[in-house]
């Protein structure tokens, strides 16, 4: 067993205007992290090569994905399939989202298993 401390807690981005990503767990078939977007922030993430589950733990925004748009807030759970373009818009309150990737984030990307070069500011 492993307790994932701070999972789902909002973390302000170091640069003040972007997003923040904190990975809490990585095993071959799953990774878990927290994605934070400050109120008024811009979510510029790219589609991932893995399926994702988002669990909104705090904040309010809209998720635009697969040609659809829906309001999200604490308790909202969303499935986004691999390769689907998606992003949060209209972030009205600091948004914190627990993210589960299956398999682990970037595992299907050529060279796989490694995070983006700046793990503190992207997801």
PDB file of N, CA and C in Angstrom:
ATOM      1  N   UNK A   1       0.845  -1.178   0.000  1.00  0.00           N
ATOM      2  CA  UNK A   1       0.000   0.000   0.000  1.00  0.00           C
ATOM      3  C   UNK A   1       0.888   1.237   0.000  1.00  0.00           C
ATOM      4  N   UNK A   2       0.372   2.281  -0.618  1.00  0.00           N
ATOM      5  CA  UNK A   2       1.095   3.541  -0.628  1.00  0.00           C
ATOM      6  C   UNK A   2       0.079   4.679  -0.549  1.00  0.00           C
ATOM      7  N   UNK A   3       0.221   5.564   0.408  1.00  0.00           N
ATOM      8  CA  UNK A   3      -0.644   6.733   0.552  1.00  0.00           C
ATOM      9  C   UNK A   3      -0.028   7.852  -0.284  1.00  0.00           C
ATOM     10  N   UNK A   4      -0.828   8.477  -1.122  1.00  0.00           N
ATOM     11  CA  UNK A   4      -0.331   9.544  -1.998  1.00  0.00           C
ATOM     12  C   UNK A   4      -0.614  10.891  -1.343  1.00  0.00           C
ATOM     13  N   UNK A   5       0.359  11.363  -0.567  1.00  0.00           N
ATOM     14  CA  UNK A   5       0.237  12.638   0.131  1.00  0.00           C
ATOM     15  C   UNK A   5       0.089  13.777  -0.869  1.00  0.00           C
ATOM     16  N   UNK A   6      -0.743  14.742  -0.542  1.00  0.00           N
ATOM     17  CA  UNK A   6      -0.952  15.949  -1.334  1.00  0.00           C
ATOM     18  C   UNK A   6      -1.655  15.705  -2.672  1.00  0.00           C
ATOM     19  N   UNK A   7      -2.038  14.478  -2.975  1.00  0.00           N
ATOM     20  CA  UNK A   7      -2.737  14.200  -4.228  1.00  0.00           C
ATOM     21  C   UNK A   7      -4.057  14.960  -4.254  1.00  0.00           C
ATOM     22  N   UNK A   8      -4.265  15.709  -5.317  1.00  0.00           N
ATOM     23  CA  UNK A   8      -5.496  16.467  -5.474  1.00  0.00           C
ATOM     24  C   UNK A   8      -5.476  17.854  -4.880  1.00  0.00           C
ATOM     25  N   UNK A   9      -4.391  18.247  -4.214  1.00  0.00           N
ATOM     26  CA  UNK A   9      -4.306  19.581  -3.605  1.00  0.00           C
ATOM     27  C   UNK A   9      -3.791  20.601  -4.621  1.00  0.00           C
ATOM     28  N   UNK A  10      -4.410  21.780  -4.670  1.00  0.00           N
ATOM     29  CA  UNK A  10      -3.997  22.837  -5.594  1.00  0.00           C
ATOM     30  C   UNK A  10      -2.582  23.303  -5.276  1.00  0.00           C
ATOM     31  N   UNK A  11      -1.785  23.483  -6.329  1.00  0.00           N
ATOM     32  CA  UNK A  11      -0.440  24.040  -6.205  1.00  0.00           C
ATOM     33  C   UNK A  11      -0.302  25.139  -7.249  1.00  0.00           C
ATOM     34  N   UNK A  12       0.001  26.345  -6.812  1.00  0.00           N
ATOM     35  CA  UNK A  12       0.157  27.460  -7.741  1.00  0.00           C
ATOM     36  C   UNK A  12       1.384  27.244  -8.614  1.00  0.00           C
ATOM     37  N   UNK A  13       1.306  27.612  -9.894  1.00  0.00           N
ATOM     38  CA  UNK A  13       2.470  27.487 -10.767  1.00  0.00           C
ATOM     39  C   UNK A  13       3.575  28.450 -10.341  1.00  0.00           C
ATOM     40  N   UNK A  14       4.814  28.024 -10.514  1.00  0.00           N
ATOM     41  CA  UNK A  14       5.964  28.846 -10.121  1.00  0.00           C
ATOM     42  C   UNK A  14       6.004  30.156 -10.893  1.00  0.00           C
ATOM     43  N   UNK A  15       5.623  30.131 -12.165  1.00  0.00           N
ATOM     44  CA  UNK A  15       5.692  31.323 -13.005  1.00  0.00           C
ATOM     45  C   UNK A  15       4.529  32.275 -12.756  1.00  0.00           C
ATOM     46  N   UNK A  16       3.520  31.840 -12.029  1.00  0.00           N
ATOM     47  CA  UNK A  16       2.401  32.704 -11.699  1.00  0.00           C
ATOM     48  C   UNK A  16       1.254  32.688 -12.684  1.00  0.00           C
ATOM     49  N   UNK A  17       1.468  32.325 -13.958  1.00  0.00           N
ATOM     50  CA  UNK A  17       0.373  32.416 -14.913  1.00  0.00           C
ATOM     51  C   UNK A  17       0.048  31.141 -15.640  1.00  0.00           C
ATOM     52  N   UNK A  18       0.869  30.130 -15.524  1.00  0.00           N
ATOM     53  CA  UNK A  18       0.641  28.902 -16.273  1.00  0.00           C
ATOM     54  C   UNK A  18      -0.112  27.870 -15.471  1.00  0.00           C
ATOM     55  N   UNK A  19       0.306  26.635 -15.630  1.00  0.00           N
ATOM     56  CA  UNK A  19      -0.296  25.517 -14.918  1.00  0.00           C
ATOM     57  C   UNK A  19       0.786  24.837 -14.089  1.00  0.00           C
ATOM     58  N   UNK A  20       0.374  23.957 -13.202  1.00  0.00           N
ATOM     59  CA  UNK A  20       1.344  23.203 -12.412  1.00  0.00           C
ATOM     60  C   UNK A  20       0.972  21.735 -12.439  1.00  0.00           C
ATOM     61  N   UNK A  21       1.968  20.870 -12.608  1.00  0.00           N
ATOM     62  CA  UNK A  21       1.782  19.424 -12.611  1.00  0.00           C
ATOM     63  C   UNK A  21       2.672  18.819 -11.538  1.00  0.00           C
ATOM     64  N   UNK A  22       2.102  17.942 -10.711  1.00  0.00           N
ATOM     65  CA  UNK A  22       2.876  17.216  -9.704  1.00  0.00           C
ATOM     66  C   UNK A  22       2.520  15.740  -9.837  1.00  0.00           C
ATOM     67  N   UNK A  23       3.504  14.935 -10.191  1.00  0.00           N
ATOM     68  CA  UNK A  23       3.266  13.495 -10.294  1.00  0.00           C
ATOM     69  C   UNK A  23       3.445  12.857  -8.923  1.00  0.00           C
ATOM     70  N   UNK A  24       2.493  11.984  -8.535  1.00  0.00           N
ATOM     71  CA  UNK A  24       2.519  11.356  -7.226  1.00  0.00           C
ATOM     72  C   UNK A  24       2.876   9.877  -7.279  1.00  0.00           C
ATOM     73  N   UNK A  25       2.601   9.242  -8.413  1.00  0.00           N
ATOM     74  CA  UNK A  25       2.838   7.807  -8.545  1.00  0.00           C
ATOM     75  C   UNK A  25       3.062   7.467 -10.003  1.00  0.00           C
ATOM     76  N   UNK A  26       4.026   6.567 -10.251  1.00  0.00           N
ATOM     77  CA  UNK A  26       4.263   6.050 -11.603  1.00  0.00           C
ATOM     78  C   UNK A  26       4.648   4.586 -11.489  1.00  0.00           C
ATOM     79  N   UNK A  27       3.847   3.731 -12.111  1.00  0.00           N
ATOM     80  CA  UNK A  27       4.154   2.324 -12.307  1.00  0.00           C
ATOM     81  C   UNK A  27       3.888   2.053 -13.785  1.00  0.00           C
ATOM     82  N   UNK A  28       4.238   0.905 -14.289  1.00  0.00           N
ATOM     83  CA  UNK A  28       4.155   0.687 -15.732  1.00  0.00           C
ATOM     84  C   UNK A  28       2.766   0.894 -16.330  1.00  0.00           C
ATOM     85  N   UNK A  29       1.718   0.546 -15.626  1.00  0.00           N
ATOM     86  CA  UNK A  29       0.386   0.618 -16.209  1.00  0.00           C
ATOM     87  C   UNK A  29      -0.485   1.746 -15.687  1.00  0.00           C
ATOM     88  N   UNK A  30       0.088   2.639 -14.868  1.00  0.00           N
ATOM     89  CA  UNK A  30      -0.705   3.705 -14.271  1.00  0.00           C
ATOM     90  C   UNK A  30       0.206   4.808 -13.766  1.00  0.00           C
ATOM     91  N   UNK A  31      -0.241   6.047 -13.939  1.00  0.00           N
ATOM     92  CA  UNK A  31       0.414   7.152 -13.234  1.00  0.00           C
ATOM     93  C   UNK A  31      -0.683   8.060 -12.697  1.00  0.00           C
ATOM     94  N   UNK A  32      -0.363   8.739 -11.588  1.00  0.00           N
ATOM     95  CA  UNK A  32      -1.317   9.607 -10.906  1.00  0.00           C
ATOM     96  C   UNK A  32      -0.625  10.909 -10.574  1.00  0.00           C
ATOM     97  N   UNK A  33      -1.316  12.004 -10.828  1.00  0.00           N
ATOM     98  CA  UNK A  33      -0.753  13.303 -10.503  1.00  0.00           C
ATOM     99  C   UNK A  33      -1.845  14.322 -10.289  1.00  0.00           C
ATOM    100  N   UNK A  34      -1.435  15.533  -9.917  1.00  0.00           N
ATOM    101  CA  UNK A  34      -2.366  16.629  -9.723  1.00  0.00           C
ATOM    102  C   UNK A  34      -2.037  17.736 -10.706  1.00  0.00           C
ATOM    103  N   UNK A  35      -3.064  18.170 -11.432  1.00  0.00           N
ATOM    104  CA  UNK A  35      -2.944  19.252 -12.405  1.00  0.00           C
ATOM    105  C   UNK A  35      -3.662  20.460 -11.823  1.00  0.00           C
ATOM    106  N   UNK A  36      -2.970  21.595 -11.741  1.00  0.00           N
ATOM    107  CA  UNK A  36      -3.542  22.809 -11.165  1.00  0.00           C
ATOM    108  C   UNK A  36      -3.522  23.942 -12.181  1.00  0.00           C
ATOM    109  N   UNK A  37      -4.641  24.657 -12.270  1.00  0.00           N
ATOM    110  CA  UNK A  37      -4.766  25.820 -13.153  1.00  0.00           C
ATOM    111  C   UNK A  37      -5.342  26.948 -12.299  1.00  0.00           C
ATOM    112  N   UNK A  38      -4.614  28.059 -12.166  1.00  0.00           N
ATOM    113  CA  UNK A  38      -5.135  29.158 -11.345  1.00  0.00           C
ATOM    114  C   UNK A  38      -6.334  29.829 -12.012  1.00  0.00           C
ATOM    115  N   UNK A  39      -7.166  30.491 -11.226  1.00  0.00           N
ATOM    116  CA  UNK A  39      -8.298  31.236 -11.765  1.00  0.00           C
ATOM    117  C   UNK A  39      -7.806  32.178 -12.852  1.00  0.00           C
ATOM    118  N   UNK A  40      -8.476  32.159 -13.995  1.00  0.00           N
ATOM    119  CA  UNK A  40      -8.089  32.997 -15.124  1.00  0.00           C
ATOM    120  C   UNK A  40      -6.937  32.443 -15.930  1.00  0.00           C
ATOM    121  N   UNK A  41      -6.358  31.309 -15.501  1.00  0.00           N
ATOM    122  CA  UNK A  41      -5.214  30.713 -16.195  1.00  0.00           C
ATOM    123  C   UNK A  41      -5.608  30.051 -17.504  1.00  0.00           C
ATOM    124  N   UNK A  42      -4.593  29.783 -18.306  1.00  0.00           N
ATOM    125  CA  UNK A  42      -4.790  29.150 -19.614  1.00  0.00           C
ATOM    126  C   UNK A  42      -4.248  27.731 -19.570  1.00  0.00           C
ATOM    127  N   UNK A  43      -5.087  26.780 -19.942  1.00  0.00           N
ATOM    128  CA  UNK A  43      -4.710  25.368 -20.026  1.00  0.00           C
ATOM    129  C   UNK A  43      -4.338  25.085 -21.476  1.00  0.00           C
ATOM    130  N   UNK A  44      -3.047  24.903 -21.733  1.00  0.00           N
ATOM    131  CA  UNK A  44      -2.590  24.692 -23.108  1.00  0.00           C
ATOM    132  C   UNK A  44      -2.069  23.273 -23.343  1.00  0.00           C
ATOM    133  N   UNK A  45      -2.576  22.308 -22.581  1.00  0.00           N
ATOM    134  CA  UNK A  45      -2.092  20.940 -22.726  1.00  0.00           C
ATOM    135  C   UNK A  45      -2.422  20.369 -24.105  1.00  0.00           C
ATOM    136  N   UNK A  46      -1.622  19.417 -24.513  1.00  0.00           N
ATOM    137  CA  UNK A  46      -1.792  18.701 -25.774  1.00  0.00           C
ATOM    138  C   UNK A  46      -2.439  17.348 -25.488  1.00  0.00           C
ATOM    139  N   UNK A  47      -3.084  16.737 -26.486  1.00  0.00           N
ATOM    140  CA  UNK A  47      -3.648  15.398 -26.265  1.00  0.00           C
ATOM    141  C   UNK A  47      -2.561  14.414 -25.836  1.00  0.00           C
ATOM    142  N   UNK A  48      -2.943  13.489 -24.973  1.00  0.00           N
ATOM    143  CA  UNK A  48      -2.001  12.476 -24.487  1.00  0.00           C
ATOM    144  C   UNK A  48      -2.183  11.172 -25.242  1.00  0.00           C
ATOM    145  N   UNK A  49      -1.171  10.340 -25.197  1.00  0.00           N
ATOM    146  CA  UNK A  49      -1.226   9.041 -25.873  1.00  0.00           C
ATOM    147  C   UNK A  49      -1.848   7.976 -24.981  1.00  0.00           C
ATOM    148  N   UNK A  50      -2.286   8.349 -23.784  1.00  0.00           N
ATOM    149  CA  UNK A  50      -2.884   7.420 -22.835  1.00  0.00           C
ATOM    150  C   UNK A  50      -4.295   7.882 -22.467  1.00  0.00           C
ATOM    151  N   UNK A  51      -5.133   6.937 -22.043  1.00  0.00           N
ATOM    152  CA  UNK A  51      -6.444   7.278 -21.517  1.00  0.00           C
ATOM    153  C   UNK A  51      -6.258   8.021 -20.196  1.00  0.00           C
ATOM    154  N   UNK A  52      -7.219   8.914 -19.894  1.00  0.00           N
ATOM    155  CA  UNK A  52      -7.142   9.696 -18.658  1.00  0.00           C
ATOM    156  C   UNK A  52      -8.470   9.695 -17.923  1.00  0.00           C
ATOM    157  N   UNK A  53      -8.388   9.724 -16.622  1.00  0.00           N
ATOM    158  CA  UNK A  53      -9.533  10.001 -15.761  1.00  0.00           C
ATOM    159  C   UNK A  53      -9.180  11.266 -14.990  1.00  0.00           C
ATOM    160  N   UNK A  54     -10.078  12.253 -15.024  1.00  0.00           N
ATOM    161  CA  UNK A  54      -9.933  13.473 -14.245  1.00  0.00           C
ATOM    162  C   UNK A  54     -10.931  13.431 -13.097  1.00  0.00           C
ATOM    163  N   UNK A  55     -10.473  13.767 -11.890  1.00  0.00           N
ATOM    164  CA  UNK A  55     -11.353  13.923 -10.738  1.00  0.00           C
ATOM    165  C   UNK A  55     -11.114  15.338 -10.214  1.00  0.00           C
ATOM    166  N   UNK A  56     -12.098  16.202 -10.386  1.00  0.00           N
ATOM    167  CA  UNK A  56     -11.953  17.589  -9.939  1.00  0.00           C
ATOM    168  C   UNK A  56     -12.089  17.616  -8.416  1.00  0.00           C
ATOM    169  N   UNK A  57     -11.054  18.136  -7.751  1.00  0.00           N
ATOM    170  CA  UNK A  57     -11.074  18.192  -6.288  1.00  0.00           C
ATOM    171  C   UNK A  57     -11.406  19.587  -5.764  1.00  0.00           C
ATOM    172  N   UNK A  58     -11.134  20.624  -6.572  1.00  0.00           N
ATOM    173  CA  UNK A  58     -11.501  21.988  -6.173  1.00  0.00           C
ATOM    174  C   UNK A  58     -11.538  22.880  -7.399  1.00  0.00           C
ATOM    175  N   UNK A  59     -12.277  23.980  -7.291  1.00  0.00           N
ATOM    176  CA  UNK A  59     -12.349  24.955  -8.366  1.00  0.00           C
ATOM    177  C   UNK A  59     -13.521  24.732  -9.302  1.00  0.00           C
ATOM    178  N   UNK A  60     -13.647  25.658 -10.247  1.00  0.00           N
ATOM    179  CA  UNK A  60     -14.721  25.592 -11.240  1.00  0.00           C
ATOM    180  C   UNK A  60     -14.185  26.060 -12.580  1.00  0.00           C
ATOM    181  N   UNK A  61     -14.615  25.350 -13.637  1.00  0.00           N
ATOM    182  CA  UNK A  61     -14.198  25.673 -15.002  1.00  0.00           C
ATOM    183  C   UNK A  61     -15.132  24.943 -15.964  1.00  0.00           C
ATOM    184  N   UNK A  62     -14.769  24.930 -17.243  1.00  0.00           N
ATOM    185  CA  UNK A  62     -15.428  24.110 -18.260  1.00  0.00           C
ATOM    186  C   UNK A  62     -14.359  23.225 -18.855  1.00  0.00           C
ATOM    187  N   UNK A  63     -14.747  22.002 -19.202  1.00  0.00           N
ATOM    188  CA  UNK A  63     -13.845  21.121 -19.934  1.00  0.00           C
ATOM    189  C   UNK A  63     -14.384  21.011 -21.348  1.00  0.00           C
ATOM    190  N   UNK A  64     -13.524  21.316 -22.316  1.00  0.00           N
ATOM    191  CA  UNK A  64     -13.856  21.174 -23.724  1.00  0.00           C
ATOM    192  C   UNK A  64     -13.084  19.958 -24.211  1.00  0.00           C
ATOM    193  N   UNK A  65     -13.815  18.965 -24.744  1.00  0.00           N
ATOM    194  CA  UNK A  65     -13.184  17.722 -25.196  1.00  0.00           C
ATOM    195  C   UNK A  65     -14.086  17.035 -26.217  1.00  0.00           C
ATOM    196  N   UNK A  66     -13.475  16.516 -27.277  1.00  0.00           N
ATOM    197  CA  UNK A  66     -14.223  15.729 -28.245  1.00  0.00           C
ATOM    198  C   UNK A  66     -15.421  16.450 -28.837  1.00  0.00           C
ATOM    199  N   UNK A  67     -15.313  17.760 -29.037  1.00  0.00           N
ATOM    200  CA  UNK A  67     -16.409  18.527 -29.610  1.00  0.00           C
ATOM    201  C   UNK A  67     -17.527  18.833 -28.621  1.00  0.00           C
ATOM    202  N   UNK A  68     -17.328  18.532 -27.348  1.00  0.00           N
ATOM    203  CA  UNK A  68     -18.314  18.817 -26.318  1.00  0.00           C
ATOM    204  C   UNK A  68     -17.721  19.757 -25.274  1.00  0.00           C
ATOM    205  N   UNK A  69     -18.592  20.362 -24.488  1.00  0.00           N
ATOM    206  CA  UNK A  69     -18.166  21.256 -23.419  1.00  0.00           C
ATOM    207  C   UNK A  69     -19.088  21.024 -22.227  1.00  0.00           C
ATOM    208  N   UNK A  70     -18.510  20.989 -21.019  1.00  0.00           N
ATOM    209  CA  UNK A  70     -19.319  20.773 -19.820  1.00  0.00           C
ATOM    210  C   UNK A  70     -18.709  21.510 -18.641  1.00  0.00           C
ATOM    211  N   UNK A  71     -19.569  22.042 -17.751  1.00  0.00           N
ATOM    212  CA  UNK A  71     -19.044  22.655 -16.528  1.00  0.00           C
ATOM    213  C   UNK A  71     -18.495  21.561 -15.615  1.00  0.00           C
ATOM    214  N   UNK A  72     -17.421  21.897 -14.893  1.00  0.00           N
ATOM    215  CA  UNK A  72     -16.836  20.956 -13.941  1.00  0.00           C
ATOM    216  C   UNK A  72     -16.601  21.675 -12.616  1.00  0.00           C
ATOM    217  N   UNK A  73     -16.697  20.902 -11.547  1.00  0.00           N
ATOM    218  CA  UNK A  73     -16.463  21.424 -10.205  1.00  0.00           C
ATOM    219  C   UNK A  73     -16.134  20.257  -9.298  1.00  0.00           C
ATOM    220  N   UNK A  74     -15.963  20.516  -8.010  1.00  0.00           N
ATOM    221  CA  UNK A  74     -15.590  19.454  -7.080  1.00  0.00           C
ATOM    222  C   UNK A  74     -16.500  18.228  -7.206  1.00  0.00           C
ATOM    223  N   UNK A  75     -15.876  17.082  -7.350  1.00  0.00           N
ATOM    224  CA  UNK A  75     -16.611  15.831  -7.470  1.00  0.00           C
ATOM    225  C   UNK A  75     -16.861  15.378  -8.898  1.00  0.00           C
ATOM    226  N   UNK A  76     -16.644  16.240  -9.881  1.00  0.00           N
ATOM    227  CA  UNK A  76     -16.833  15.845 -11.275  1.00  0.00           C
ATOM    228  C   UNK A  76     -15.748  14.855 -11.666  1.00  0.00           C
ATOM    229  N   UNK A  77     -16.154  13.766 -12.320  1.00  0.00           N
ATOM    230  CA  UNK A  77     -15.220  12.747 -12.808  1.00  0.00           C
ATOM    231  C   UNK A  77     -15.419  12.643 -14.313  1.00  0.00           C
ATOM    232  N   UNK A  78     -14.311  12.735 -15.071  1.00  0.00           N
ATOM    233  CA  UNK A  78     -14.373  12.755 -16.526  1.00  0.00           C
ATOM    234  C   UNK A  78     -13.399  11.733 -17.104  1.00  0.00           C
ATOM    235  N   UNK A  79     -13.834  11.034 -18.130  1.00  0.00           N
ATOM    236  CA  UNK A  79     -12.954  10.140 -18.889  1.00  0.00           C
ATOM    237  C   UNK A  79     -12.617  10.817 -20.205  1.00  0.00           C
ATOM    238  N   UNK A  80     -11.319  10.886 -20.541  1.00  0.00           N
ATOM    239  CA  UNK A  80     -10.857  11.414 -21.812  1.00  0.00           C
ATOM    240  C   UNK A  80     -10.017  10.328 -22.478  1.00  0.00           C
ATOM    241  N   UNK A  81     -10.464   9.824 -23.639  1.00  0.00           N
ATOM    242  CA  UNK A  81      -9.704   8.762 -24.301  1.00  0.00           C
ATOM    243  C   UNK A  81      -8.388   9.274 -24.884  1.00  0.00           C
ATOM    244  N   UNK A  82      -7.453   8.384 -25.043  1.00  0.00           N
ATOM    245  CA  UNK A  82      -6.151   8.711 -25.626  1.00  0.00           C
ATOM    246  C   UNK A  82      -6.345   9.427 -26.961  1.00  0.00           C
ATOM    247  N   UNK A  83      -5.554  10.464 -27.175  1.00  0.00           N
ATOM    248  CA  UNK A  83      -5.551  11.189 -28.436  1.00  0.00           C
ATOM    249  C   UNK A  83      -6.616  12.257 -28.582  1.00  0.00           C
ATOM    250  N   UNK A  84      -7.563  12.351 -27.661  1.00  0.00           N
ATOM    251  CA  UNK A  84      -8.636  13.338 -27.782  1.00  0.00           C
ATOM    252  C   UNK A  84      -8.162  14.710 -27.321  1.00  0.00           C
ATOM    253  N   UNK A  85      -8.343  15.719 -28.170  1.00  0.00           N
ATOM    254  CA  UNK A  85      -7.994  17.088 -27.818  1.00  0.00           C
ATOM    255  C   UNK A  85      -8.898  17.530 -26.670  1.00  0.00           C
ATOM    256  N   UNK A  86      -8.322  18.138 -25.633  1.00  0.00           N
ATOM    257  CA  UNK A  86      -9.099  18.567 -24.478  1.00  0.00           C
ATOM    258  C   UNK A  86      -8.361  19.661 -23.719  1.00  0.00           C
ATOM    259  N   UNK A  87      -9.120  20.550 -23.096  1.00  0.00           N
ATOM    260  CA  UNK A  87      -8.539  21.582 -22.246  1.00  0.00           C
ATOM    261  C   UNK A  87      -9.628  22.219 -21.384  1.00  0.00           C
ATOM    262  N   UNK A  88      -9.183  22.809 -20.274  1.00  0.00           N
ATOM    263  CA  UNK A  88     -10.089  23.528 -19.396  1.00  0.00           C
ATOM    264  C   UNK A  88     -10.139  24.983 -19.839  1.00  0.00           C
ATOM    265  N   UNK A  89     -11.329  25.571 -19.816  1.00  0.00           N
ATOM    266  CA  UNK A  89     -11.514  26.974 -20.179  1.00  0.00           C
ATOM    267  C   UNK A  89     -12.314  27.654 -19.075  1.00  0.00           C
ATOM    268  N   UNK A  90     -12.326  28.974 -19.101  1.00  0.00           N
ATOM    269  CA  UNK A  90     -13.142  29.722 -18.151  1.00  0.00           C
ATOM    270  C   UNK A  90     -12.899  29.315 -16.713  1.00  0.00           C
ATOM    271  N   UNK A  91     -11.639  29.215 -16.327  1.00  0.00           N
ATOM    272  CA  UNK A  91     -11.305  28.794 -14.958  1.00  0.00           C
ATOM    273  C   UNK A  91     -11.687  29.936 -14.014  1.00  0.00           C
ATOM    274  N   UNK A  92     -12.829  29.757 -13.327  1.00  0.00           N
ATOM    275  CA  UNK A  92     -13.383  30.807 -12.470  1.00  0.00           C
ATOM    276  C   UNK A  92     -12.804  30.787 -11.066  1.00  0.00           C
ATOM    277  N   UNK A  93     -12.390  29.602 -10.593  1.00  0.00           N
ATOM    278  CA  UNK A  93     -11.776  29.428  -9.275  1.00  0.00           C
ATOM    279  C   UNK A  93     -10.573  28.524  -9.458  1.00  0.00           C
ATOM    280  N   UNK A  94      -9.522  28.721  -8.655  1.00  0.00           N
ATOM    281  CA  UNK A  94      -8.336  27.863  -8.750  1.00  0.00           C
ATOM    282  C   UNK A  94      -8.774  26.413  -8.900  1.00  0.00           C
ATOM    283  N   UNK A  95      -8.328  25.783  -9.983  1.00  0.00           N
ATOM    284  CA  UNK A  95      -8.762  24.433 -10.327  1.00  0.00           C
ATOM    285  C   UNK A  95      -7.688  23.414  -9.979  1.00  0.00           C
ATOM    286  N   UNK A  96      -8.096  22.365  -9.285  1.00  0.00           N
ATOM    287  CA  UNK A  96      -7.201  21.270  -8.951  1.00  0.00           C
ATOM    288  C   UNK A  96      -7.871  19.979  -9.390  1.00  0.00           C
ATOM    289  N   UNK A  97      -7.109  19.180 -10.170  1.00  0.00           N
ATOM    290  CA  UNK A  97      -7.669  17.971 -10.753  1.00  0.00           C
ATOM    291  C   UNK A  97      -6.716  16.807 -10.509  1.00  0.00           C
ATOM    292  N   UNK A  98      -7.223  15.747  -9.909  1.00  0.00           N
ATOM    293  CA  UNK A  98      -6.469  14.513  -9.766  1.00  0.00           C
ATOM    294  C   UNK A  98      -6.554  13.804 -11.115  1.00  0.00           C
ATOM    295  N   UNK A  99      -5.409  13.431 -11.683  1.00  0.00           N
ATOM    296  CA  UNK A  99      -5.366  12.831 -13.019  1.00  0.00           C
ATOM    297  C   UNK A  99      -4.774  11.431 -12.929  1.00  0.00           C
ATOM    298  N   UNK A 100      -5.483  10.467 -13.517  1.00  0.00           N
ATOM    299  CA  UNK A 100      -5.008   9.090 -13.579  1.00  0.00           C
ATOM    300  C   UNK A 100      -4.792   8.740 -15.043  1.00  0.00           C
ATOM    301  N   UNK A 101      -3.580   8.339 -15.397  1.00  0.00           N
ATOM    302  CA  UNK A 101      -3.239   7.925 -16.755  1.00  0.00           C
ATOM    303  C   UNK A 101      -3.097   6.408 -16.787  1.00  0.00           C
ATOM    304  N   UNK A 102      -3.654   5.781 -17.833  1.00  0.00           N
ATOM    305  CA  UNK A 102      -3.493   4.344 -18.003  1.00  0.00           C
ATOM    306  C   UNK A 102      -3.250   4.045 -19.483  1.00  0.00           C
ATOM    307  N   UNK A 103      -2.096   3.440 -19.819  1.00  0.00           N
ATOM    308  CA  UNK A 103      -0.965   3.172 -18.937  1.00  0.00           C
ATOM    309  C   UNK A 103      -0.341   4.483 -18.465  1.00  0.00           C
ATOM    310  N   UNK A 104       0.805   4.410 -17.798  1.00  0.00           N
ATOM    311  CA  UNK A 104       1.459   5.600 -17.250  1.00  0.00           C
ATOM    312  C   UNK A 104       1.644   6.671 -18.327  1.00  0.00           C
ATOM    313  N   UNK A 105       1.550   7.949 -17.911  1.00  0.00           N
ATOM    314  CA  UNK A 105       1.693   9.072 -18.839  1.00  0.00           C
ATOM    315  C   UNK A 105       2.962   8.929 -19.678  1.00  0.00           C
ATOM    316  N   UNK A 106       2.806   9.133 -20.970  1.00  0.00           N
ATOM    317  CA  UNK A 106       3.874   9.077 -21.985  1.00  0.00           C
ATOM    318  C   UNK A 106       4.407   7.668 -22.241  1.00  0.00           C
ATOM    319  N   UNK A 107       3.818   6.648 -21.639  1.00  0.00           N
ATOM    320  CA  UNK A 107       4.292   5.275 -21.849  1.00  0.00           C
ATOM    321  C   UNK A 107       4.150   4.841 -23.309  1.00  0.00           C
ATOM    322  N   UNK A 108       3.172   5.370 -24.016  1.00  0.00           N
ATOM    323  CA  UNK A 108       2.939   4.997 -25.413  1.00  0.00           C
ATOM    324  C   UNK A 108       3.655   5.914 -26.394  1.00  0.00           C
ATOM    325  N   UNK A 109       4.248   6.983 -25.925  1.00  0.00           N
ATOM    326  CA  UNK A 109       4.953   7.919 -26.795  1.00  0.00           C
ATOM    327  C   UNK A 109       6.313   7.327 -27.138  1.00  0.00           C
ATOM    328  N   UNK A 110       6.813   7.543 -28.363  1.00  0.00           N
ATOM    329  CA  UNK A 110       8.159   7.039 -28.687  1.00  0.00           C
ATOM    330  C   UNK A 110       9.167   7.484 -27.634  1.00  0.00           C
ATOM    331  N   UNK A 111       9.947   6.549 -27.131  1.00  0.00           N
ATOM    332  CA  UNK A 111      10.892   6.831 -26.050  1.00  0.00           C
ATOM    333  C   UNK A 111      10.242   6.708 -24.692  1.00  0.00           C
ATOM    334  N   UNK A 112       8.921   6.692 -24.627  1.00  0.00           N
ATOM    335  CA  UNK A 112       8.028   6.514 -23.487  1.00  0.00           C
ATOM    336  C   UNK A 112       8.571   6.686 -22.095  1.00  0.00           C
ATOM    337  N   UNK A 113       7.698   6.563 -21.149  1.00  0.00           N
ATOM    338  CA  UNK A 113       7.922   6.496 -19.703  1.00  0.00           C
ATOM    339  C   UNK A 113       8.551   7.720 -19.068  1.00  0.00           C
ATOM    340  N   UNK A 114       8.985   8.708 -19.810  1.00  0.00           N
ATOM    341  CA  UNK A 114       9.559   9.905 -19.201  1.00  0.00           C
ATOM    342  C   UNK A 114       8.601  11.074 -19.348  1.00  0.00           C
ATOM    343  N   UNK A 115       8.571  11.925 -18.351  1.00  0.00           N
ATOM    344  CA  UNK A 115       7.735  13.133 -18.368  1.00  0.00           C
ATOM    345  C   UNK A 115       8.313  14.167 -19.310  1.00  0.00           C
ATOM    346  N   UNK A 116       7.523  15.181 -19.545  1.00  0.00           N
ATOM    347  CA  UNK A 116       7.995  16.336 -20.297  1.00  0.00           C
ATOM    348  C   UNK A 116       9.194  16.932 -19.568  1.00  0.00           C
ATOM    349  N   UNK A 117       9.972  17.730 -20.258  1.00  0.00           N
ATOM    350  CA  UNK A 117      11.219  18.242 -19.691  1.00  0.00           C
ATOM    351  C   UNK A 117      11.034  19.122 -18.471  1.00  0.00           C
ATOM    352  N   UNK A 118       9.894  19.799 -18.334  1.00  0.00           N
ATOM    353  CA  UNK A 118       9.651  20.659 -17.189  1.00  0.00           C
ATOM    354  C   UNK A 118       8.393  20.176 -16.471  1.00  0.00           C
ATOM    355  N   UNK A 119       8.504  19.119 -15.625  1.00  0.00           N
ATOM    356  CA  UNK A 119       7.325  18.507 -15.025  1.00  0.00           C
ATOM    357  C   UNK A 119       6.563  19.427 -14.083  1.00  0.00           C
ATOM    358  N   UNK A 120       7.140  20.531 -13.682  1.00  0.00           N
ATOM    359  CA  UNK A 120       6.446  21.419 -12.762  1.00  0.00           C
ATOM    360  C   UNK A 120       5.435  22.326 -13.421  1.00  0.00           C
ATOM    361  N   UNK A 121       5.443  22.436 -14.761  1.00  0.00           N
ATOM    362  CA  UNK A 121       4.591  23.412 -15.403  1.00  0.00           C
ATOM    363  C   UNK A 121       3.761  22.878 -16.550  1.00  0.00           C
ATOM    364  N   UNK A 122       3.681  21.565 -16.767  1.00  0.00           N
ATOM    365  CA  UNK A 122       2.860  21.038 -17.853  1.00  0.00           C
ATOM    366  C   UNK A 122       2.134  19.786 -17.404  1.00  0.00           C
ATOM    367  N   UNK A 123       1.170  19.407 -18.168  1.00  0.00           N
ATOM    368  CA  UNK A 123       0.490  18.126 -17.921  1.00  0.00           C
ATOM    369  C   UNK A 123       0.133  17.498 -19.226  1.00  0.00           C
TER     370      UNK A 123
END
